[in-house]
Protein backbone atom coordinates (compact mmCIF):
# COMPACT_ATOMS: atom_id res chain seq x y z
CA MET A 1 -11.28 -5.53 -10.83
CA ARG A 2 -7.51 -5.70 -11.33
CA LEU A 3 -7.87 -3.90 -14.67
CA LEU A 4 -9.25 -0.85 -12.82
CA SER A 5 -6.78 -1.00 -9.94
CA GLY A 6 -4.31 1.41 -11.56
CA LEU A 7 -4.63 5.18 -11.67
CA ARG A 8 -4.27 5.30 -15.47
CA PRO A 9 -7.28 3.07 -16.36
CA ARG A 10 -9.41 4.80 -13.74
CA LEU A 11 -8.54 8.23 -15.13
CA ILE A 12 -9.24 7.08 -18.68
CA LEU A 13 -12.56 5.58 -17.63
CA ALA A 14 -13.54 8.73 -15.73
CA PHE A 15 -12.62 11.08 -18.58
CA ALA A 16 -14.33 8.87 -21.16
CA ALA A 17 -17.47 8.55 -19.03
CA MET A 18 -17.61 12.32 -18.50
CA THR A 19 -17.19 12.98 -22.23
CA ILE A 20 -19.79 10.38 -23.24
CA ILE A 21 -22.27 11.60 -20.62
CA GLY A 22 -21.74 15.18 -21.79
CA ALA A 23 -22.22 14.21 -25.42
CA ALA A 24 -25.31 12.15 -24.60
CA ALA A 25 -26.76 14.99 -22.52
CA ALA A 26 -26.12 17.48 -25.30
CA ALA A 27 -27.67 15.17 -27.89
CA GLY A 28 -30.66 14.51 -25.66
CA ALA A 29 -31.16 18.20 -24.95
CA SER A 30 -30.92 19.01 -28.66
CA TYR A 31 -33.42 16.28 -29.48
CA VAL A 32 -35.93 17.45 -26.88
CA SER A 33 -35.59 21.08 -27.92
CA ALA A 34 -35.98 20.28 -31.63
CA ARG A 35 -38.90 17.93 -30.96
CA ASN A 36 -40.74 20.57 -28.95
CA ALA A 37 -40.05 23.17 -31.61
CA ILE A 38 -41.43 20.93 -34.38
CA LEU A 39 -44.55 20.02 -32.43
CA GLU A 40 -45.17 23.57 -31.28
CA ALA A 41 -44.83 24.83 -34.83
CA VAL A 42 -47.38 22.42 -36.27
CA GLN A 43 -49.62 22.86 -33.25
CA ASP A 44 -49.61 26.67 -33.46
CA ALA A 45 -50.17 26.55 -37.21
CA ALA A 46 -53.16 24.20 -36.89
CA MET A 47 -54.73 26.23 -34.09
CA ASN A 48 -54.24 29.58 -35.83
CA GLN A 49 -55.57 28.22 -39.10
CA LEU A 50 -58.68 26.87 -37.40
CA LYS A 51 -59.31 30.12 -35.54
CA ASP A 52 -58.88 32.22 -38.65
CA ARG A 53 -61.25 30.12 -40.74
CA VAL A 54 -63.89 29.88 -38.06
CA ALA A 55 -63.71 33.64 -37.65
CA ALA A 56 -64.10 34.07 -41.39
CA TYR A 57 -66.97 31.63 -41.95
CA GLY A 58 -68.71 31.28 -38.65
CA ARG A 59 -70.44 34.65 -38.28
CA PRO A 60 -73.41 33.97 -40.66
CA LEU A 61 -74.46 30.97 -38.51
CA SER A 62 -77.79 31.30 -36.81
CA THR A 63 -78.44 29.86 -33.42
CA PRO A 64 -79.51 27.16 -33.29
CA PRO A 65 -78.07 26.12 -36.66
CA THR A 66 -79.76 23.69 -38.99
CA GLN A 67 -78.14 20.52 -40.30
CA ASP A 68 -77.54 22.14 -43.65
CA GLN A 69 -75.92 25.13 -42.00
CA LEU A 70 -73.57 22.84 -40.03
CA ASN A 71 -72.69 20.94 -43.20
CA ASP A 72 -72.04 24.15 -45.15
CA PHE A 73 -70.06 25.63 -42.27
CA ALA A 74 -67.82 22.54 -41.87
CA GLY A 75 -67.30 22.35 -45.63
CA SER A 76 -66.42 26.03 -45.92
CA LEU A 77 -63.55 25.57 -43.45
CA ARG A 78 -61.73 23.38 -45.98
CA LEU A 79 -60.10 21.44 -43.14
CA ASN A 80 -60.40 17.95 -41.79
CA ALA A 81 -62.93 19.31 -39.32
CA VAL A 82 -66.37 18.55 -37.96
CA ALA A 83 -68.95 21.08 -36.73
CA VAL A 84 -71.10 20.11 -33.73
CA TYR A 85 -74.15 21.65 -32.09
CA ARG A 86 -75.45 19.60 -29.23
CA ASP A 87 -76.73 16.37 -30.86
CA LEU A 88 -76.19 17.63 -34.40
CA ARG A 89 -72.95 17.24 -36.32
CA SER A 90 -71.87 17.92 -39.86
CA VAL A 91 -71.81 14.98 -42.21
CA ASN A 92 -68.23 15.58 -43.22
CA GLY A 93 -65.18 15.61 -40.98
CA PRO A 94 -63.57 13.07 -38.62
CA ASP A 95 -65.42 10.75 -36.27
CA LEU A 96 -66.32 12.47 -33.00
CA THR A 97 -65.33 9.41 -31.01
CA ILE A 98 -61.70 10.24 -31.73
CA PHE A 99 -62.02 13.31 -29.52
CA SER A 100 -61.98 12.44 -25.86
CA PRO A 101 -64.87 13.43 -23.57
CA GLU A 102 -62.43 15.45 -21.48
CA LEU A 103 -61.38 17.54 -24.48
CA ARG A 104 -65.00 18.15 -25.56
CA GLN A 105 -66.09 19.07 -22.05
CA THR A 106 -63.20 21.54 -21.72
CA VAL A 107 -64.01 23.13 -25.09
CA ALA A 108 -67.68 23.50 -24.14
CA SER A 109 -67.02 25.01 -20.73
CA ASP A 110 -63.82 27.02 -21.19
CA GLY A 111 -64.62 29.10 -24.25
CA ARG A 112 -61.04 28.93 -25.52
CA ILE A 113 -59.33 26.82 -28.15
CA GLN A 114 -57.96 23.51 -26.82
CA PHE A 115 -55.62 20.86 -28.23
CA GLN A 116 -54.58 17.30 -27.50
CA ARG A 117 -51.96 14.97 -29.04
CA VAL A 118 -52.89 11.31 -29.37
CA ASP A 119 -51.35 8.23 -30.93
CA ARG A 120 -53.76 5.89 -32.72
CA GLY A 121 -52.18 2.77 -34.12
CA ASN A 122 -48.68 4.35 -34.22
CA ASN A 123 -50.15 7.31 -36.08
CA PRO A 124 -49.67 10.48 -34.06
CA GLU A 125 -52.42 13.07 -34.47
CA LEU A 126 -53.17 16.56 -33.24
CA LEU A 127 -56.77 17.18 -32.08
CA VAL A 128 -57.96 20.79 -31.82
CA GLY A 129 -61.32 21.95 -30.45
CA LEU A 130 -62.75 25.49 -30.70
CA PRO A 131 -66.08 26.93 -29.53
CA VAL A 132 -67.80 29.32 -32.03
CA LEU A 133 -68.64 32.62 -30.40
CA ALA A 134 -71.62 34.78 -31.37
CA ARG A 135 -71.90 38.52 -30.85
CA GLN A 136 -74.81 39.72 -28.72
CA PRO A 137 -76.86 42.89 -29.43
CA ASN A 138 -74.89 44.70 -26.77
CA GLY A 139 -71.66 43.81 -28.58
CA ALA A 140 -70.48 41.17 -26.11
CA MET A 141 -69.33 37.74 -27.31
CA ARG A 142 -71.00 34.58 -26.07
CA ASN A 143 -70.69 30.86 -26.72
CA SER A 144 -73.10 29.97 -29.53
CA GLY A 145 -73.07 26.29 -28.62
CA VAL A 146 -71.44 25.40 -31.94
CA GLU A 147 -68.11 23.64 -31.62
CA VAL A 148 -65.54 22.81 -34.27
CA TYR A 149 -63.07 19.94 -33.96
CA SER A 150 -60.21 19.42 -36.38
CA LEU A 151 -57.74 16.53 -36.81
CA THR A 152 -54.22 17.00 -38.16
CA SER A 153 -51.90 14.08 -38.85
CA LEU A 154 -48.42 14.31 -37.27
CA VAL A 155 -46.92 11.41 -39.20
CA GLN A 156 -44.52 13.59 -41.19
CA GLN A 157 -43.49 15.49 -38.08
CA GLN A 158 -42.95 12.23 -36.20
CA GLN A 159 -40.78 10.94 -39.02
CA ALA A 160 -38.75 14.13 -38.87
CA ILE A 161 -38.45 13.75 -35.09
CA ASP A 162 -37.35 10.11 -35.47
CA GLU A 163 -34.69 11.12 -38.00
CA LEU A 164 -33.56 13.84 -35.65
CA ALA A 165 -33.31 11.37 -32.77
CA LYS A 166 -31.36 8.95 -34.92
CA SER A 167 -28.99 11.70 -35.99
CA ALA A 168 -28.58 12.91 -32.40
CA TRP A 169 -27.67 9.46 -31.05
CA GLN A 170 -25.36 8.78 -33.99
CA THR A 171 -23.60 12.02 -33.18
CA ALA A 172 -23.34 10.95 -29.55
CA ALA A 173 -21.96 7.57 -30.63
CA LEU A 174 -19.33 9.29 -32.75
CA ALA A 175 -18.17 11.02 -29.59
CA LEU A 176 -17.02 7.67 -28.14
CA PRO A 177 -13.68 7.44 -30.02
CA LEU A 178 -13.16 11.14 -29.44
CA ALA A 179 -13.84 10.61 -25.76
CA ALA A 180 -11.32 7.75 -25.63
CA ALA A 181 -8.68 9.86 -27.39
CA LEU A 182 -9.29 12.81 -25.07
CA ALA A 183 -9.20 10.50 -22.07
CA LEU A 184 -5.87 9.02 -23.14
CA LEU A 185 -4.42 12.47 -23.73
CA ALA A 186 -5.72 13.82 -20.42
CA ALA A 187 -4.52 10.75 -18.49
CA ARG A 188 -1.10 11.05 -20.10
CA GLN A 189 -0.85 14.72 -19.19
CA VAL A 190 -1.92 14.03 -15.60
CA LEU A 191 0.19 10.91 -15.11
CA ARG A 192 3.40 12.17 -16.70
CA PRO A 193 4.47 14.13 -13.58
CA VAL A 194 3.21 11.28 -11.38
CA ARG A 195 5.41 8.79 -13.26
CA ALA A 196 8.33 11.20 -13.01
CA LEU A 197 7.76 11.45 -9.26
CA ASN A 198 7.59 7.66 -8.98
CA THR A 199 10.88 7.27 -10.88
CA ALA A 200 12.55 9.97 -8.79
CA ALA A 201 11.27 8.41 -5.55
CA ALA A 202 12.66 5.02 -6.64
CA GLN A 203 16.03 6.62 -7.41
CA LEU A 204 15.93 8.35 -4.04
CA GLY A 205 15.26 5.02 -2.38
CA GLU A 206 18.27 3.55 -4.20
CA GLY A 207 20.53 6.18 -2.65
CA ARG A 208 20.61 8.85 -5.36
CA LEU A 209 19.97 11.72 -2.99
CA ASP A 210 20.82 14.36 -5.61
CA VAL A 211 17.78 13.55 -7.76
CA ARG A 212 15.52 16.55 -8.45
CA LEU A 213 12.56 17.27 -10.70
CA PRO A 214 11.77 20.45 -12.67
CA ALA A 215 8.72 22.22 -11.22
CA LYS A 216 6.47 23.51 -14.03
CA GLY A 217 3.31 25.53 -13.60
CA SER A 218 1.52 26.45 -10.40
CA ASP A 219 -0.99 23.64 -9.95
CA GLU A 220 -1.15 20.99 -7.23
CA LEU A 221 1.25 18.68 -9.07
CA ALA A 222 3.81 21.48 -9.31
CA GLU A 223 3.44 22.02 -5.56
CA LEU A 224 3.94 18.29 -5.02
CA VAL A 225 7.12 18.36 -7.13
CA THR A 226 8.41 21.35 -5.14
CA THR A 227 7.69 19.53 -1.88
CA PHE A 228 9.51 16.44 -3.18
CA ASN A 229 12.54 18.51 -4.17
CA ASN A 230 12.63 20.21 -0.77
CA THR A 231 12.32 16.85 0.98
CA ALA A 232 15.07 15.34 -1.15
CA ALA A 233 17.36 18.32 -0.49
CA GLU A 234 16.77 18.10 3.26
CA LEU A 235 17.29 14.35 3.19
CA GLU A 236 20.54 14.77 1.23
CA ARG A 237 21.76 17.33 3.75
CA THR A 238 20.83 15.18 6.75
CA VAL A 239 22.31 12.01 5.28
CA GLY A 240 25.45 13.91 4.36
CA GLU A 241 25.83 15.10 7.92
CA LEU A 242 25.20 11.59 9.26
CA ARG A 243 27.72 10.09 6.86
CA ALA A 244 30.29 12.69 7.85
CA MET A 245 29.65 11.98 11.53
CA GLU A 246 29.85 8.23 10.91
CA ALA A 247 33.09 8.63 8.98
CA ASP A 248 34.52 10.76 11.80
CA ALA A 249 33.45 8.15 14.37
CA ARG A 250 34.98 5.30 12.37
CA ARG A 251 38.17 7.27 11.84
CA PHE A 252 38.30 8.04 15.55
CA VAL A 253 37.84 4.37 16.49
CA ALA A 254 40.48 3.30 13.97
CA ASP A 255 42.94 5.95 15.17
CA VAL A 256 42.38 5.17 18.85
CA SER A 257 42.65 1.43 18.23
CA HIS A 258 45.86 1.91 16.27
CA GLU A 259 47.37 4.16 18.94
CA LEU A 260 46.45 1.69 21.68
CA ARG A 261 48.25 -1.23 20.06
CA THR A 262 51.74 -0.04 21.06
CA PRO A 263 51.05 0.62 24.77
CA LEU A 264 49.00 -2.57 24.96
CA ALA A 265 51.92 -4.55 23.54
CA ALA A 266 54.10 -3.17 26.33
CA MET A 267 51.42 -3.85 28.92
CA ASN A 268 51.07 -7.45 27.70
CA ALA A 269 54.81 -7.95 28.08
CA VAL A 270 54.61 -6.64 31.65
CA THR A 271 51.57 -8.75 32.51
CA ASP A 272 53.30 -11.83 31.13
CA VAL A 273 56.15 -11.22 33.59
CA LEU A 274 53.67 -10.67 36.41
CA ASP A 275 51.87 -13.91 35.53
CA GLU A 276 55.17 -15.82 35.68
CA ASP A 277 56.10 -14.30 39.06
CA ALA A 278 52.57 -14.32 40.54
CA GLU A 279 53.36 -17.32 42.76
CA ALA A 280 56.23 -15.42 44.38
CA LEU A 281 54.14 -12.33 45.09
CA PRO A 282 52.09 -11.71 48.26
CA PRO A 283 48.53 -13.09 47.94
CA ASP A 284 46.85 -9.71 47.52
CA THR A 285 49.45 -8.56 45.01
CA ALA A 286 49.13 -11.84 43.08
CA VAL A 287 45.32 -11.41 42.82
CA ALA A 288 45.80 -7.85 41.60
CA ALA A 289 48.43 -8.95 39.07
CA ARG A 290 46.14 -11.66 37.65
CA LEU A 291 43.24 -9.18 37.47
CA VAL A 292 45.39 -6.67 35.60
CA SER A 293 46.64 -9.42 33.30
CA GLY A 294 43.12 -10.61 32.48
CA GLU A 295 41.79 -7.11 31.83
CA THR A 296 44.81 -6.31 29.68
CA ARG A 297 44.18 -9.40 27.54
CA ARG A 298 40.51 -8.45 27.25
CA LEU A 299 41.41 -4.90 26.23
CA THR A 300 43.92 -6.23 23.72
CA ARG A 301 41.26 -8.49 22.18
CA LEU A 302 38.80 -5.59 22.02
CA VAL A 303 41.36 -3.35 20.30
CA GLN A 304 42.20 -6.11 17.82
CA ASP A 305 38.51 -6.56 17.01
CA LEU A 306 38.03 -2.80 16.64
CA VAL A 307 40.98 -2.61 14.26
CA GLU A 308 39.54 -5.51 12.25
CA ILE A 309 36.03 -4.05 12.08
CA SER A 310 37.41 -0.62 11.12
CA ARG A 311 39.09 -2.21 8.08
CA PHE A 312 35.71 -3.52 6.94
CA ASP A 313 34.10 -0.11 7.49
CA ALA A 314 36.84 1.60 5.50
CA GLY A 315 36.58 -0.95 2.66
CA ARG A 316 40.23 -1.95 3.06
CA ALA A 317 39.64 -5.61 3.91
CA GLU A 318 41.07 -7.92 1.23
CA LEU A 319 41.16 -11.63 0.66
CA VAL A 320 44.35 -13.62 0.25
CA LEU A 321 43.04 -16.79 -1.34
CA ASP A 322 44.58 -20.24 -1.50
CA GLU A 323 43.27 -23.72 -2.19
CA TRP A 324 42.82 -25.46 1.16
CA ASP A 325 41.48 -28.70 2.46
CA LEU A 326 38.89 -27.20 4.80
CA ALA A 327 39.01 -30.12 7.25
CA THR A 328 42.74 -29.51 7.80
CA ALA A 329 42.30 -25.72 8.07
CA ILE A 330 39.42 -26.02 10.58
CA ARG A 331 41.21 -28.65 12.67
CA ASP A 332 44.34 -26.48 12.81
CA SER A 333 42.21 -23.56 14.09
CA LEU A 334 40.72 -25.75 16.82
CA ASP A 335 44.07 -27.25 17.81
CA ALA A 336 45.69 -23.81 18.02
CA ARG A 337 43.25 -22.91 20.77
CA GLY A 338 43.41 -26.22 22.56
CA TRP A 339 39.96 -27.36 21.43
CA ARG A 340 40.09 -31.09 20.74
CA ASP A 341 37.52 -33.83 20.30
CA GLY A 342 36.08 -35.07 23.56
CA GLU A 343 32.98 -34.74 25.70
CA ASP A 344 32.79 -30.99 25.14
CA LEU A 345 33.58 -30.94 21.43
CA VAL A 346 32.48 -33.35 18.69
CA THR A 347 33.75 -32.80 15.16
CA ASP A 348 32.74 -34.30 11.83
CA LEU A 349 35.28 -33.00 9.32
CA PRO A 350 35.54 -35.22 6.23
CA GLU A 351 38.77 -34.89 4.28
CA GLY A 352 38.90 -33.76 0.68
CA VAL A 353 36.50 -30.78 0.87
CA LEU A 354 38.48 -28.18 -1.07
CA ALA A 355 37.80 -24.45 -1.40
CA ARG A 356 39.69 -21.25 -2.08
CA VAL A 357 39.66 -19.30 1.18
CA ASP A 358 41.67 -16.77 3.10
CA ARG A 359 43.20 -18.97 5.79
CA ARG A 360 43.50 -16.18 8.37
CA ARG A 361 39.93 -15.01 7.93
CA LEU A 362 38.60 -18.59 8.00
CA ASP A 363 40.49 -19.04 11.27
CA LEU A 364 38.73 -15.97 12.70
CA ILE A 365 35.33 -17.31 11.64
CA VAL A 366 35.94 -20.75 13.18
CA ALA A 367 37.37 -19.26 16.37
CA ASN A 368 34.40 -16.97 16.85
CA LEU A 369 31.70 -19.55 16.10
CA VAL A 370 33.20 -22.42 18.11
CA GLY A 371 34.42 -20.15 20.92
CA ASN A 372 31.00 -18.57 21.22
CA ALA A 373 29.37 -22.03 21.44
CA LEU A 374 31.85 -23.26 24.09
CA ARG A 375 31.52 -20.13 26.23
CA HIS A 376 27.78 -19.53 26.10
CA GLY A 377 26.32 -22.92 25.12
CA ALA A 378 26.49 -26.32 26.76
CA PRO A 379 28.37 -29.45 25.70
CA PRO A 380 28.63 -31.19 23.47
CA VAL A 381 29.43 -28.61 20.80
CA GLU A 382 29.11 -30.26 17.38
CA VAL A 383 31.14 -29.05 14.39
CA ARG A 384 30.11 -30.58 11.03
CA LEU A 385 31.57 -29.88 7.59
CA ARG A 386 29.57 -30.71 4.46
CA ASP A 387 30.01 -30.26 0.70
CA SER A 388 26.68 -29.68 -1.10
CA GLY A 389 28.24 -29.33 -4.54
CA ASP A 390 27.59 -25.62 -5.12
CA GLU A 391 28.94 -24.58 -1.73
CA VAL A 392 30.43 -25.87 1.49
CA THR A 393 28.75 -25.53 4.88
CA LEU A 394 30.15 -25.58 8.39
CA ALA A 395 27.54 -26.03 11.11
CA VAL A 396 28.37 -25.28 14.76
CA GLU A 397 25.66 -26.42 17.17
CA ASP A 398 25.60 -26.43 20.97
CA HIS A 399 23.15 -27.80 23.52
CA GLY A 400 22.78 -24.73 25.71
CA PRO A 401 19.91 -22.33 26.39
CA GLY A 402 19.74 -21.29 22.74
CA ILE A 403 19.00 -17.79 21.47
CA ALA A 404 15.98 -15.81 22.64
CA ALA A 405 13.50 -14.87 19.92
CA GLU A 406 13.94 -11.14 20.54
CA VAL A 407 17.74 -11.46 20.31
CA LEU A 408 17.90 -13.70 17.22
CA PRO A 409 17.36 -10.92 14.61
CA HIS A 410 20.20 -8.90 16.19
CA VAL A 411 22.66 -11.67 17.01
CA PHE A 412 25.14 -10.43 14.36
CA ASP A 413 24.84 -6.77 15.36
CA ARG A 414 27.89 -5.14 16.86
CA PHE A 415 28.20 -5.24 20.65
CA THR A 416 25.13 -7.46 20.92
CA LYS A 417 25.10 -9.87 23.86
CA ALA A 418 22.30 -12.32 24.45
CA ASP A 419 22.52 -12.01 28.20
CA THR A 420 23.07 -8.61 29.78
CA ALA A 421 24.19 -10.37 32.92
CA ARG A 422 27.43 -11.32 31.14
CA ALA A 423 28.26 -7.78 30.01
CA ARG A 424 31.74 -8.21 31.53
CA SER A 425 32.48 -11.46 29.71
CA GLU A 426 35.73 -11.90 27.82
CA GLY A 427 34.01 -11.37 24.49
CA SER A 428 34.06 -7.93 22.89
CA GLY A 429 30.57 -8.21 21.37
CA LEU A 430 32.15 -7.92 17.91
CA GLY A 431 33.07 -11.55 17.26
CA LEU A 432 29.95 -12.61 15.39
CA ALA A 433 29.85 -9.33 13.45
CA ILE A 434 33.48 -9.89 12.36
CA ALA A 435 32.73 -13.52 11.44
CA LEU A 436 29.78 -12.43 9.28
CA GLU A 437 31.84 -9.74 7.53
CA ASN A 438 34.58 -12.27 6.76
CA ALA A 439 32.02 -14.74 5.39
CA ARG A 440 30.51 -12.08 3.14
CA LEU A 441 33.97 -11.06 1.97
CA HIS A 442 34.28 -14.66 0.67
CA GLY A 443 30.90 -14.34 -1.05
CA GLY A 444 29.22 -16.48 1.63
CA ASP A 445 27.00 -15.94 4.64
CA ILE A 446 26.32 -17.05 8.22
CA THR A 447 22.86 -17.80 9.59
CA ALA A 448 21.78 -18.32 13.19
CA ALA A 449 18.88 -20.36 14.53
CA ASP A 450 17.49 -21.61 17.81
CA THR A 451 17.02 -25.38 17.67
CA GLY A 452 14.96 -25.64 20.85
CA HIS A 453 17.81 -27.38 22.62
CA GLY A 454 20.61 -24.97 21.75
CA ALA A 455 21.93 -22.58 19.12
CA ARG A 456 23.05 -23.42 15.59
CA PHE A 457 25.29 -21.27 13.40
CA VAL A 458 25.80 -22.30 9.77
CA LEU A 459 28.63 -20.89 7.65
CA ARG A 460 28.17 -21.12 3.86
CA LEU A 461 31.10 -20.51 1.53
CA PRO A 462 31.43 -20.90 -2.25
CA HIS A 463 34.17 -23.16 -3.54
CA ARG A 464 35.68 -20.25 -5.44
CA PRO A 465 34.84 -16.67 -4.45
CA ALA A 466 34.27 -14.24 -7.30
CA GLY A 467 36.51 -11.54 -5.82
CA GLY A 468 39.64 -11.28 -3.71
CA THR A 469 43.40 -11.18 -4.29
CA ARG A 470 46.19 -13.65 -4.02
């Protein structure tokens, strides 16, 4: 069934079947027409010959005829015929038993010439029966009671018919290669625009929105090509508008983030002073100062993340690679944030695992993965470094509520938070997205999974990324 699953073999089979059926029907029709013509010709000739000779030699017969008269009459016909009057029959001619009772009864009662084709021992024969009419004194014709039956062999005609049948079916058989050739040609002509459409659709799916096809003719396939071209043009226009809008949005975010960095730097300096003097302020003022300080830090982190993500969107993010002992680099990242081994954090960082990485971007990845586990998971948070030969892996696993199944596919999406109840948490919702972008920039990846007793994030990095700058 697989061989007939494609459009091409089905078209070829259909065209070939139609051609063969047409050729067979034409051959069969020709055979039947020729066969009937041959049989009708010999049949008409035999019947006319019998009627003419009976008319020529039958008038001198007396009624009832004597045996000698029947013999003379049958002999004068010079045919393979027998003359019959009731129980008398001529001595020459074919055996009367050859002629069926039905034929003889019809000849006797109908008054017209009758015929019948029979096959005796693979020898086809034509049987003809004719009543002899006698003229009455008043000029009317009546049945004299004398009947004449003739036998004509159809062997030669049957041989001619057999040769004709053989020739007809040989001609039909010769149509098979022609049918296959026509089917291939027709299938090629039909499938050429279909293949072109398939290629163009594949190119369109790969992002080549300017692909178009020439519309030839005015048939259904030409209409389909025109529809495809119109659809591609509309898609190109829509995608162009969306890309322009996306570029404008990214440029706006980058510009706003850049412009916010300077006032935020000033605000952070002020909030640092307020934090130092908070103890000397009135209680309500101290609470307000700490609130402003916390929100300023959160806003600063959000702006930093937006600036970082805008670099990825603009394609301006670059790697500055160096050979590092990953255990040292990861431990430095943890120590810089005050995360040390204890009940909340358990590390397994074997020395000597070397890789070329961008130290700053690796620090961002570690900070996001471990910070996310400490904030939203439950202790202990386990950090394990492994070298598998082809790549290095860093697994960060917590023992918290894990990741819901509906959230897991979107955990690396921007501004995704597993719990809407913590929409005002310190995180920007961009940390995991930034970590994933940094991993991919190294030629690696990050995967997330729910272990049933917490969440596990696994960073995979090659020992030596293919791209990057030093």
